[in-house]
Amino acid sequence: MTRMDLRGVFAPIPTPFDRSEQLDEPKLRSACARWAASPLTGLVVLGSTGEAVLLDEDESDRVVAVARTAWPAGRPFIVGAGRESTAATIHAVRRAAGLGADAVLVRTPGFYKAQMNTDAFVRHYTAVADASSVPVLLYNFTAVTGVNLLPAAVSTLSAHPNIIGVKESGGDVAQITEFVKGTPESFKVLAGSSTTFYSALGVGATGGILALSCVLPDACVRLFELTRAGKHTEAGALQHRLLGVAKLVGSMHGIAGLKAALKLVGCDVGGPRSPLAPVSDATVAVLREALVSFEEVALV
């Protein structure tokens, strides 16, 4: 199976909701058109940023179908398909492939944390990859799952011909380094933290799946390109400039912060779905101040 080109910046897009917290398909189409006009490498739907765990299966399929039609063919289109059981994950992967996914991003199951060790993860991902007609990306996000996909598991799984890479969302540059060193060159490691993107690229990550890139796609792609070109002084300075916004839409306010920031830059995707709550007016003001320094941003 031909491996996808995973070099660059991928946007893990939020799922738009209307005021009744129902899926807003027109907003999704409009937002996808906006991202398609940017230099982003690809799109990821139904990730953690997409509030995937708050959607039912029908809603999930609708998100994939709408985004697929709105995203240009030839640019990677990745779908989150992680579930708690192996059987449910395989079912989700097959549905995603049938709806046009170029690859699937599969988070670690984490409900039965004490039993989720390297052997369990190797069994799970091997079965999923064996059953999938599209390439599989491992997805490690310990902050939300409570489990860690260790380098030993990633190293073993990297030998599977249908497992093409891993997204590490923890910002742990040491673990990213171990992932890179313990896997073949054909296996790609993607950073999931905007605050440590430059450092991750420096230790061998080939790109990033960054929530911040939904808001500042040009700046995130610029950081990637500067680093790849060896312009480390400029890249380091840009990473420093991005830190404030990255924290606001990441560890500090999460999805609610991201959606508020998107509305400020003219991309209204509504608010988060309950039990998540919108950010306060005071936080919106802080976001506005953080964004105003980026000349490519036209605030509304």
C-alpha atoms as a PDB file:
ATOM      1  CA  MET A   1       0.000   0.000   0.000  1.00  0.00           C
ATOM      2  CA  THR A   2       1.338   3.429  -0.969  1.00  0.00           C
ATOM      3  CA  ARG A   3       2.212   5.548   2.044  1.00  0.00           C
ATOM      4  CA  MET A   4       0.707   9.008   2.397  1.00  0.00           C
ATOM      5  CA  ASP A   5       2.953  12.026   2.441  1.00  0.00           C
ATOM      6  CA  LEU A   6       2.664  13.195   6.038  1.00  0.00           C
ATOM      7  CA  ARG A   7       5.029  16.144   5.808  1.00  0.00           C
ATOM      8  CA  GLY A   8       3.447  19.462   6.724  1.00  0.00           C
ATOM      9  CA  VAL A   9       0.657  20.870   8.840  1.00  0.00           C
ATOM     10  CA  PHE A  10      -2.736  19.239   9.256  1.00  0.00           C
ATOM     11  CA  ALA A  11      -5.718  20.976  10.860  1.00  0.00           C
ATOM     12  CA  PRO A  12      -7.794  18.888  13.306  1.00  0.00           C
ATOM     13  CA  ILE A  13     -11.001  20.761  12.714  1.00  0.00           C
ATOM     14  CA  PRO A  14     -13.759  21.460  15.246  1.00  0.00           C
ATOM     15  CA  THR A  15     -17.281  20.249  14.606  1.00  0.00           C
ATOM     16  CA  PRO A  16     -19.691  23.178  14.075  1.00  0.00           C
ATOM     17  CA  PHE A  17     -22.903  23.280  16.087  1.00  0.00           C
ATOM     18  CA  ASP A  18     -25.886  25.600  15.897  1.00  0.00           C
ATOM     19  CA  ARG A  19     -27.496  27.282  18.908  1.00  0.00           C
ATOM     20  CA  SER A  20     -29.375  24.073  19.706  1.00  0.00           C
ATOM     21  CA  GLU A  21     -26.070  22.195  19.735  1.00  0.00           C
ATOM     22  CA  GLN A  22     -27.012  20.280  16.594  1.00  0.00           C
ATOM     23  CA  LEU A  23     -24.562  19.633  13.768  1.00  0.00           C
ATOM     24  CA  ASP A  24     -24.447  22.704  11.507  1.00  0.00           C
ATOM     25  CA  GLU A  25     -23.639  21.427   8.022  1.00  0.00           C
ATOM     26  CA  PRO A  26     -23.577  24.833   6.266  1.00  0.00           C
ATOM     27  CA  LYS A  27     -21.031  26.124   8.786  1.00  0.00           C
ATOM     28  CA  LEU A  28     -18.943  22.997   8.255  1.00  0.00           C
ATOM     29  CA  ARG A  29     -18.930  23.507   4.481  1.00  0.00           C
ATOM     30  CA  SER A  30     -18.038  27.179   4.850  1.00  0.00           C
ATOM     31  CA  ALA A  31     -15.216  26.475   7.287  1.00  0.00           C
ATOM     32  CA  CYS A  32     -13.781  23.719   5.090  1.00  0.00           C
ATOM     33  CA  ALA A  33     -13.760  26.101   2.126  1.00  0.00           C
ATOM     34  CA  ARG A  34     -11.815  28.604   4.220  1.00  0.00           C
ATOM     35  CA  TRP A  35      -9.243  25.988   5.235  1.00  0.00           C
ATOM     36  CA  ALA A  36      -8.996  24.726   1.661  1.00  0.00           C
ATOM     37  CA  ALA A  37      -7.945  28.230   0.575  1.00  0.00           C
ATOM     38  CA  SER A  38      -5.055  28.134   3.069  1.00  0.00           C
ATOM     39  CA  PRO A  39      -1.657  26.413   2.680  1.00  0.00           C
ATOM     40  CA  LEU A  40      -2.598  23.577   5.055  1.00  0.00           C
ATOM     41  CA  THR A  41      -1.356  20.159   3.966  1.00  0.00           C
ATOM     42  CA  GLY A  42      -4.456  18.275   5.022  1.00  0.00           C
ATOM     43  CA  LEU A  43      -7.516  18.035   7.213  1.00  0.00           C
ATOM     44  CA  VAL A  44      -8.393  15.817  10.178  1.00  0.00           C
ATOM     45  CA  VAL A  45     -12.047  15.403  11.134  1.00  0.00           C
ATOM     46  CA  LEU A  46     -13.477  13.699  14.231  1.00  0.00           C
ATOM     47  CA  GLY A  47     -10.372  14.071  16.338  1.00  0.00           C
ATOM     48  CA  SER A  48     -10.338  15.267  19.923  1.00  0.00           C
ATOM     49  CA  THR A  49     -10.727  18.853  18.685  1.00  0.00           C
ATOM     50  CA  GLY A  50     -13.745  17.695  16.696  1.00  0.00           C
ATOM     51  CA  GLU A  51     -15.560  16.682  19.894  1.00  0.00           C
ATOM     52  CA  ALA A  52     -15.803  13.201  18.411  1.00  0.00           C
ATOM     53  CA  VAL A  53     -16.656  11.566  21.732  1.00  0.00           C
ATOM     54  CA  LEU A  54     -19.703  13.857  22.012  1.00  0.00           C
ATOM     55  CA  LEU A  55     -21.165  12.762  18.660  1.00  0.00           C
ATOM     56  CA  ASP A  56     -23.295   9.745  17.887  1.00  0.00           C
ATOM     57  CA  GLU A  57     -22.433   7.460  14.979  1.00  0.00           C
ATOM     58  CA  ASP A  58     -24.909   9.049  12.566  1.00  0.00           C
ATOM     59  CA  GLU A  59     -23.561  12.522  13.319  1.00  0.00           C
ATOM     60  CA  SER A  60     -20.013  11.258  12.879  1.00  0.00           C
ATOM     61  CA  ASP A  61     -20.830   9.896   9.436  1.00  0.00           C
ATOM     62  CA  ARG A  62     -22.507  13.162   8.440  1.00  0.00           C
ATOM     63  CA  VAL A  63     -19.431  15.163   9.476  1.00  0.00           C
ATOM     64  CA  VAL A  64     -17.207  12.948   7.355  1.00  0.00           C
ATOM     65  CA  ALA A  65     -19.522  13.045   4.354  1.00  0.00           C
ATOM     66  CA  VAL A  66     -19.946  16.835   4.387  1.00  0.00           C
ATOM     67  CA  ALA A  67     -16.271  17.593   4.986  1.00  0.00           C
ATOM     68  CA  ARG A  68     -15.195  15.133   2.306  1.00  0.00           C
ATOM     69  CA  THR A  69     -17.260  16.897  -0.341  1.00  0.00           C
ATOM     70  CA  ALA A  70     -15.924  20.291   0.788  1.00  0.00           C
ATOM     71  CA  TRP A  71     -12.237  19.315   0.927  1.00  0.00           C
ATOM     72  CA  PRO A  72     -10.236  19.102  -2.332  1.00  0.00           C
ATOM     73  CA  ALA A  73      -9.332  15.673  -3.646  1.00  0.00           C
ATOM     74  CA  GLY A  74      -5.594  15.119  -3.644  1.00  0.00           C
ATOM     75  CA  ARG A  75      -5.015  16.792  -0.281  1.00  0.00           C
ATOM     76  CA  PRO A  76      -4.955  14.348   2.644  1.00  0.00           C
ATOM     77  CA  PHE A  77      -8.282  13.816   4.386  1.00  0.00           C
ATOM     78  CA  ILE A  78      -7.898  11.931   7.667  1.00  0.00           C
ATOM     79  CA  VAL A  79     -10.755  10.720   9.855  1.00  0.00           C
ATOM     80  CA  GLY A  80     -10.670   9.966  13.572  1.00  0.00           C
ATOM     81  CA  ALA A  81     -12.042   6.485  14.132  1.00  0.00           C
ATOM     82  CA  GLY A  82     -11.031   5.466  17.648  1.00  0.00           C
ATOM     83  CA  ARG A  83     -13.478   3.554  19.830  1.00  0.00           C
ATOM     84  CA  GLU A  84     -13.087   1.625  23.071  1.00  0.00           C
ATOM     85  CA  SER A  85     -13.477  -1.879  21.656  1.00  0.00           C
ATOM     86  CA  THR A  86     -11.461  -3.332  18.804  1.00  0.00           C
ATOM     87  CA  ALA A  87     -14.640  -4.459  17.030  1.00  0.00           C
ATOM     88  CA  ALA A  88     -16.237  -1.001  17.241  1.00  0.00           C
ATOM     89  CA  THR A  89     -13.017   0.616  16.050  1.00  0.00           C
ATOM     90  CA  ILE A  90     -12.887  -1.681  13.014  1.00  0.00           C
ATOM     91  CA  HIS A  91     -16.510  -0.822  12.240  1.00  0.00           C
ATOM     92  CA  ALA A  92     -15.759   2.920  12.497  1.00  0.00           C
ATOM     93  CA  VAL A  93     -12.663   2.568  10.332  1.00  0.00           C
ATOM     94  CA  ARG A  94     -14.619   0.785   7.622  1.00  0.00           C
ATOM     95  CA  ARG A  95     -17.353   3.424   7.664  1.00  0.00           C
ATOM     96  CA  ALA A  96     -14.773   6.205   7.427  1.00  0.00           C
ATOM     97  CA  ALA A  97     -13.074   4.508   4.488  1.00  0.00           C
ATOM     98  CA  GLY A  98     -16.405   4.064   2.747  1.00  0.00           C
ATOM     99  CA  LEU A  99     -17.095   7.789   3.146  1.00  0.00           C
ATOM    100  CA  GLY A 100     -13.815   8.793   1.515  1.00  0.00           C
ATOM    101  CA  ALA A 101     -11.148   8.880   4.229  1.00  0.00           C
ATOM    102  CA  ASP A 102      -7.608   8.722   2.891  1.00  0.00           C
ATOM    103  CA  ALA A 103      -6.401   7.456   6.275  1.00  0.00           C
ATOM    104  CA  VAL A 104      -7.756   6.980   9.797  1.00  0.00           C
ATOM    105  CA  LEU A 105      -6.476   8.332  13.105  1.00  0.00           C
ATOM    106  CA  VAL A 106      -7.115   5.814  15.880  1.00  0.00           C
ATOM    107  CA  ARG A 107      -6.823   6.927  19.503  1.00  0.00           C
ATOM    108  CA  THR A 108      -5.810   4.539  22.237  1.00  0.00           C
ATOM    109  CA  PRO A 109      -8.704   2.943  24.112  1.00  0.00           C
ATOM    110  CA  GLY A 110      -8.428   4.017  27.725  1.00  0.00           C
ATOM    111  CA  PHE A 111     -11.471   3.103  29.812  1.00  0.00           C
ATOM    112  CA  TYR A 112      -9.865  -0.029  31.266  1.00  0.00           C
ATOM    113  CA  LYS A 113      -6.636   1.781  32.014  1.00  0.00           C
ATOM    114  CA  ALA A 114      -4.949  -0.845  34.165  1.00  0.00           C
ATOM    115  CA  GLN A 115      -5.172  -3.419  31.357  1.00  0.00           C
ATOM    116  CA  MET A 116      -4.067  -1.066  28.562  1.00  0.00           C
ATOM    117  CA  ASN A 117      -0.434  -2.125  28.302  1.00  0.00           C
ATOM    118  CA  THR A 118       1.884  -2.598  25.350  1.00  0.00           C
ATOM    119  CA  ASP A 119       0.588  -6.096  24.579  1.00  0.00           C
ATOM    120  CA  ALA A 120      -3.024  -4.889  24.558  1.00  0.00           C
ATOM    121  CA  PHE A 121      -2.225  -1.976  22.275  1.00  0.00           C
ATOM    122  CA  VAL A 122      -0.250  -4.152  19.865  1.00  0.00           C
ATOM    123  CA  ARG A 123      -3.150  -6.626  19.632  1.00  0.00           C
ATOM    124  CA  HIS A 124      -5.697  -3.831  19.186  1.00  0.00           C
ATOM    125  CA  TYR A 125      -3.885  -1.853  16.518  1.00  0.00           C
ATOM    126  CA  THR A 126      -2.739  -4.929  14.624  1.00  0.00           C
ATOM    127  CA  ALA A 127      -6.324  -6.148  14.321  1.00  0.00           C
ATOM    128  CA  VAL A 128      -7.520  -2.695  13.246  1.00  0.00           C
ATOM    129  CA  ALA A 129      -4.758  -2.286  10.660  1.00  0.00           C
ATOM    130  CA  ASP A 130      -5.348  -5.793   9.303  1.00  0.00           C
ATOM    131  CA  ALA A 131      -9.022  -4.972   8.757  1.00  0.00           C
ATOM    132  CA  SER A 132      -8.590  -1.458   7.358  1.00  0.00           C
ATOM    133  CA  SER A 133      -8.588  -0.718   3.645  1.00  0.00           C
ATOM    134  CA  VAL A 134      -6.908   2.660   4.303  1.00  0.00           C
ATOM    135  CA  PRO A 135      -3.697   3.488   6.200  1.00  0.00           C
ATOM    136  CA  VAL A 136      -3.809   3.773   9.992  1.00  0.00           C
ATOM    137  CA  LEU A 137      -2.248   6.448  12.189  1.00  0.00           C
ATOM    138  CA  LEU A 138      -1.735   5.697  15.874  1.00  0.00           C
ATOM    139  CA  TYR A 139      -2.966   8.438  18.200  1.00  0.00           C
ATOM    140  CA  ASN A 140      -1.542   8.997  21.669  1.00  0.00           C
ATOM    141  CA  PHE A 141      -3.141  11.668  23.871  1.00  0.00           C
ATOM    142  CA  THR A 142      -2.497  10.713  27.480  1.00  0.00           C
ATOM    143  CA  ALA A 143      -4.091  13.883  28.885  1.00  0.00           C
ATOM    144  CA  VAL A 144      -7.537  12.767  27.729  1.00  0.00           C
ATOM    145  CA  THR A 145      -7.265   8.972  27.612  1.00  0.00           C
ATOM    146  CA  GLY A 146      -5.223   8.484  30.783  1.00  0.00           C
ATOM    147  CA  VAL A 147      -2.995   5.906  29.088  1.00  0.00           C
ATOM    148  CA  ASN A 148       0.337   6.217  27.313  1.00  0.00           C
ATOM    149  CA  LEU A 149       1.283   4.463  24.083  1.00  0.00           C
ATOM    150  CA  LEU A 150       4.882   3.675  24.927  1.00  0.00           C
ATOM    151  CA  PRO A 151       7.801   3.681  22.475  1.00  0.00           C
ATOM    152  CA  ALA A 152       8.044  -0.128  22.659  1.00  0.00           C
ATOM    153  CA  ALA A 153       4.483  -0.473  21.325  1.00  0.00           C
ATOM    154  CA  VAL A 154       5.029   2.124  18.611  1.00  0.00           C
ATOM    155  CA  SER A 155       8.260   0.441  17.545  1.00  0.00           C
ATOM    156  CA  THR A 156       6.530  -2.929  17.212  1.00  0.00           C
ATOM    157  CA  LEU A 157       3.513  -1.512  15.387  1.00  0.00           C
ATOM    158  CA  SER A 158       5.658   0.500  12.970  1.00  0.00           C
ATOM    159  CA  ALA A 159       6.552  -2.780  11.253  1.00  0.00           C
ATOM    160  CA  HIS A 160       2.942  -3.284  10.158  1.00  0.00           C
ATOM    161  CA  PRO A 161       2.623  -2.350   6.462  1.00  0.00           C
ATOM    162  CA  ASN A 162      -0.687  -0.546   7.020  1.00  0.00           C
ATOM    163  CA  ILE A 163       0.356   1.526  10.058  1.00  0.00           C
ATOM    164  CA  ILE A 164       2.042   4.609   8.652  1.00  0.00           C
ATOM    165  CA  GLY A 165       2.657   6.894  11.607  1.00  0.00           C
ATOM    166  CA  VAL A 166       1.737   8.227  15.011  1.00  0.00           C
ATOM    167  CA  LYS A 167       0.352  11.471  16.380  1.00  0.00           C
ATOM    168  CA  GLU A 168       1.807  12.348  19.781  1.00  0.00           C
ATOM    169  CA  SER A 169      -0.331  15.036  21.411  1.00  0.00           C
ATOM    170  CA  GLY A 170       1.394  15.241  24.767  1.00  0.00           C
ATOM    171  CA  GLY A 171       4.115  17.690  23.800  1.00  0.00           C
ATOM    172  CA  ASP A 172       6.670  15.291  25.297  1.00  0.00           C
ATOM    173  CA  VAL A 173       9.641  15.937  23.027  1.00  0.00           C
ATOM    174  CA  ALA A 174      11.646  13.162  24.696  1.00  0.00           C
ATOM    175  CA  GLN A 175       8.964  10.614  23.802  1.00  0.00           C
ATOM    176  CA  ILE A 176       8.734  11.982  20.271  1.00  0.00           C
ATOM    177  CA  THR A 177      12.493  11.487  20.007  1.00  0.00           C
ATOM    178  CA  GLU A 178      12.109   7.861  21.098  1.00  0.00           C
ATOM    179  CA  PHE A 179       9.330   7.322  18.570  1.00  0.00           C
ATOM    180  CA  VAL A 180      11.552   8.659  15.784  1.00  0.00           C
ATOM    181  CA  LYS A 181      14.605   6.643  16.832  1.00  0.00           C
ATOM    182  CA  GLY A 182      12.674   3.411  17.328  1.00  0.00           C
ATOM    183  CA  THR A 183      10.846   3.328  14.001  1.00  0.00           C
ATOM    184  CA  PRO A 184      11.869   3.084  10.326  1.00  0.00           C
ATOM    185  CA  GLU A 185      12.222   6.211   8.221  1.00  0.00           C
ATOM    186  CA  SER A 186       9.052   5.327   6.318  1.00  0.00           C
ATOM    187  CA  PHE A 187       7.056   5.593   9.555  1.00  0.00           C
ATOM    188  CA  LYS A 188       6.128   9.210  10.301  1.00  0.00           C
ATOM    189  CA  VAL A 189       5.840  10.935  13.661  1.00  0.00           C
ATOM    190  CA  LEU A 190       3.479  13.906  13.889  1.00  0.00           C
ATOM    191  CA  ALA A 191       3.404  16.423  16.717  1.00  0.00           C
ATOM    192  CA  GLY A 192       0.069  17.280  18.274  1.00  0.00           C
ATOM    193  CA  SER A 193       1.126  20.196  20.457  1.00  0.00           C
ATOM    194  CA  SER A 194       1.451  23.697  18.994  1.00  0.00           C
ATOM    195  CA  THR A 195       3.534  24.872  21.947  1.00  0.00           C
ATOM    196  CA  THR A 196       6.356  22.422  21.185  1.00  0.00           C
ATOM    197  CA  PHE A 197       6.000  22.128  17.408  1.00  0.00           C
ATOM    198  CA  TYR A 198       9.391  23.650  16.611  1.00  0.00           C
ATOM    199  CA  SER A 199      11.146  21.379  19.113  1.00  0.00           C
ATOM    200  CA  ALA A 200       9.338  18.315  17.775  1.00  0.00           C
ATOM    201  CA  LEU A 201      10.425  19.113  14.222  1.00  0.00           C
ATOM    202  CA  GLY A 202      13.971  19.461  15.509  1.00  0.00           C
ATOM    203  CA  VAL A 203      14.036  15.878  16.784  1.00  0.00           C
ATOM    204  CA  GLY A 204      12.579  14.351  13.639  1.00  0.00           C
ATOM    205  CA  ALA A 205       8.821  14.877  13.548  1.00  0.00           C
ATOM    206  CA  THR A 206       7.714  15.262   9.939  1.00  0.00           C
ATOM    207  CA  GLY A 207       4.833  17.607  10.654  1.00  0.00           C
ATOM    208  CA  GLY A 208       2.018  18.389  13.001  1.00  0.00           C
ATOM    209  CA  ILE A 209      -1.702  17.964  13.569  1.00  0.00           C
ATOM    210  CA  LEU A 210      -2.227  21.281  15.320  1.00  0.00           C
ATOM    211  CA  ALA A 211      -5.450  22.810  16.634  1.00  0.00           C
ATOM    212  CA  LEU A 212      -3.813  26.220  16.334  1.00  0.00           C
ATOM    213  CA  SER A 213      -3.548  25.749  12.575  1.00  0.00           C
ATOM    214  CA  CYS A 214      -7.333  26.016  12.308  1.00  0.00           C
ATOM    215  CA  VAL A 215      -6.984  29.639  13.474  1.00  0.00           C
ATOM    216  CA  LEU A 216      -3.521  30.552  12.164  1.00  0.00           C
ATOM    217  CA  PRO A 217      -2.837  28.219   9.244  1.00  0.00           C
ATOM    218  CA  ASP A 218      -0.385  30.551   7.508  1.00  0.00           C
ATOM    219  CA  ALA A 219       1.734  31.047  10.631  1.00  0.00           C
ATOM    220  CA  CYS A 220       1.818  27.330  11.461  1.00  0.00           C
ATOM    221  CA  VAL A 221       2.799  26.378   7.916  1.00  0.00           C
ATOM    222  CA  ARG A 222       5.396  29.146   7.947  1.00  0.00           C
ATOM    223  CA  LEU A 223       6.919  27.693  11.121  1.00  0.00           C
ATOM    224  CA  PHE A 224       7.143  24.301   9.447  1.00  0.00           C
ATOM    225  CA  GLU A 225       8.736  25.738   6.317  1.00  0.00           C
ATOM    226  CA  LEU A 226      11.260  27.869   8.206  1.00  0.00           C
ATOM    227  CA  THR A 227      12.360  24.879  10.243  1.00  0.00           C
ATOM    228  CA  ARG A 228      12.638  22.649   7.193  1.00  0.00           C
ATOM    229  CA  ALA A 229      14.740  25.346   5.478  1.00  0.00           C
ATOM    230  CA  GLY A 230      17.120  25.497   8.432  1.00  0.00           C
ATOM    231  CA  LYS A 231      16.166  29.070   9.326  1.00  0.00           C
ATOM    232  CA  HIS A 232      16.168  28.302  13.031  1.00  0.00           C
ATOM    233  CA  THR A 233      16.459  31.831  14.371  1.00  0.00           C
ATOM    234  CA  GLU A 234      13.326  32.895  12.510  1.00  0.00           C
ATOM    235  CA  ALA A 235      11.541  29.648  13.313  1.00  0.00           C
ATOM    236  CA  GLY A 236      12.323  29.932  17.012  1.00  0.00           C
ATOM    237  CA  ALA A 237      11.091  33.501  17.077  1.00  0.00           C
ATOM    238  CA  LEU A 238       7.845  32.530  15.373  1.00  0.00           C
ATOM    239  CA  GLN A 239       7.317  29.634  17.782  1.00  0.00           C
ATOM    240  CA  HIS A 240       7.730  32.116  20.635  1.00  0.00           C
ATOM    241  CA  ARG A 241       5.147  34.445  19.097  1.00  0.00           C
ATOM    242  CA  LEU A 242       2.689  31.578  18.735  1.00  0.00           C
ATOM    243  CA  LEU A 243       2.977  30.400  22.340  1.00  0.00           C
ATOM    244  CA  GLY A 244       0.376  32.726  23.814  1.00  0.00           C
ATOM    245  CA  VAL A 245      -2.373  31.842  21.360  1.00  0.00           C
ATOM    246  CA  ALA A 246      -1.372  28.171  21.398  1.00  0.00           C
ATOM    247  CA  LYS A 247      -1.875  27.968  25.157  1.00  0.00           C
ATOM    248  CA  LEU A 248      -5.193  29.803  25.024  1.00  0.00           C
ATOM    249  CA  VAL A 249      -6.702  27.429  22.440  1.00  0.00           C
ATOM    250  CA  GLY A 250      -4.936  24.405  23.924  1.00  0.00           C
ATOM    251  CA  SER A 251      -4.220  23.633  27.551  1.00  0.00           C
ATOM    252  CA  MET A 252      -5.990  26.681  29.013  1.00  0.00           C
ATOM    253  CA  HIS A 253      -9.371  26.750  27.269  1.00  0.00           C
ATOM    254  CA  GLY A 254      -9.359  23.841  24.828  1.00  0.00           C
ATOM    255  CA  ILE A 255     -12.150  23.459  22.300  1.00  0.00           C
ATOM    256  CA  ALA A 256     -14.177  26.373  23.692  1.00  0.00           C
ATOM    257  CA  GLY A 257     -11.148  28.641  23.317  1.00  0.00           C
ATOM    258  CA  LEU A 258     -10.482  27.389  19.803  1.00  0.00           C
ATOM    259  CA  LYS A 259     -14.058  28.013  18.708  1.00  0.00           C
ATOM    260  CA  ALA A 260     -14.023  31.499  20.233  1.00  0.00           C
ATOM    261  CA  ALA A 261     -10.760  32.287  18.441  1.00  0.00           C
ATOM    262  CA  LEU A 262     -12.185  31.061  15.147  1.00  0.00           C
ATOM    263  CA  LYS A 263     -15.200  33.333  15.523  1.00  0.00           C
ATOM    264  CA  LEU A 264     -12.826  36.267  16.107  1.00  0.00           C
ATOM    265  CA  VAL A 265     -11.056  35.592  12.803  1.00  0.00           C
ATOM    266  CA  GLY A 266     -14.331  35.334  10.890  1.00  0.00           C
ATOM    267  CA  CYS A 267     -14.877  31.571  10.943  1.00  0.00           C
ATOM    268  CA  ASP A 268     -17.976  30.971  13.059  1.00  0.00           C
ATOM    269  CA  VAL A 269     -18.310  27.289  14.004  1.00  0.00           C
ATOM    270  CA  GLY A 270     -20.621  27.903  16.958  1.00  0.00           C
ATOM    271  CA  GLY A 271     -19.903  26.916  20.518  1.00  0.00           C
ATOM    272  CA  PRO A 272     -18.950  23.612  22.124  1.00  0.00           C
ATOM    273  CA  ARG A 273     -21.465  20.892  22.911  1.00  0.00           C
ATOM    274  CA  SER A 274     -22.549  20.323  26.498  1.00  0.00           C
ATOM    275  CA  PRO A 275     -21.193  19.482  28.983  1.00  0.00           C
ATOM    276  CA  LEU A 276     -18.461  21.738  27.574  1.00  0.00           C
ATOM    277  CA  ALA A 277     -19.224  25.427  28.026  1.00  0.00           C
ATOM    278  CA  PRO A 278     -18.286  28.536  26.025  1.00  0.00           C
ATOM    279  CA  VAL A 279     -15.496  30.746  27.287  1.00  0.00           C
ATOM    280  CA  SER A 280     -16.254  33.964  29.150  1.00  0.00           C
ATOM    281  CA  ASP A 281     -16.320  37.432  27.608  1.00  0.00           C
ATOM    282  CA  ALA A 282     -13.101  38.164  29.490  1.00  0.00           C
ATOM    283  CA  THR A 283     -11.391  35.231  27.793  1.00  0.00           C
ATOM    284  CA  VAL A 284     -12.648  36.385  24.394  1.00  0.00           C
ATOM    285  CA  ALA A 285     -10.993  39.738  25.082  1.00  0.00           C
ATOM    286  CA  VAL A 286      -7.714  38.013  25.943  1.00  0.00           C
ATOM    287  CA  LEU A 287      -7.940  35.955  22.768  1.00  0.00           C
ATOM    288  CA  ARG A 288      -8.560  39.066  20.702  1.00  0.00           C
ATOM    289  CA  GLU A 289      -5.484  40.735  22.158  1.00  0.00           C
ATOM    290  CA  ALA A 290      -3.339  37.665  21.491  1.00  0.00           C
ATOM    291  CA  LEU A 291      -4.494  37.368  17.883  1.00  0.00           C
ATOM    292  CA  VAL A 292      -4.165  41.026  16.927  1.00  0.00           C
ATOM    293  CA  SER A 293      -0.376  40.752  16.669  1.00  0.00           C
ATOM    294  CA  PHE A 294      -0.647  38.429  13.672  1.00  0.00           C
ATOM    295  CA  GLU A 295      -0.817  40.613  10.607  1.00  0.00           C
ATOM    296  CA  GLU A 296      -2.592  37.963   8.521  1.00  0.00           C
ATOM    297  CA  VAL A 297      -5.531  37.971  10.954  1.00  0.00           C
ATOM    298  CA  ALA A 298      -8.505  40.210  10.233  1.00  0.00           C
ATOM    299  CA  LEU A 299     -10.511  40.257  13.461  1.00  0.00           C
ATOM    300  CA  VAL A 300     -14.283  40.652  13.395  1.00  0.00           C
END
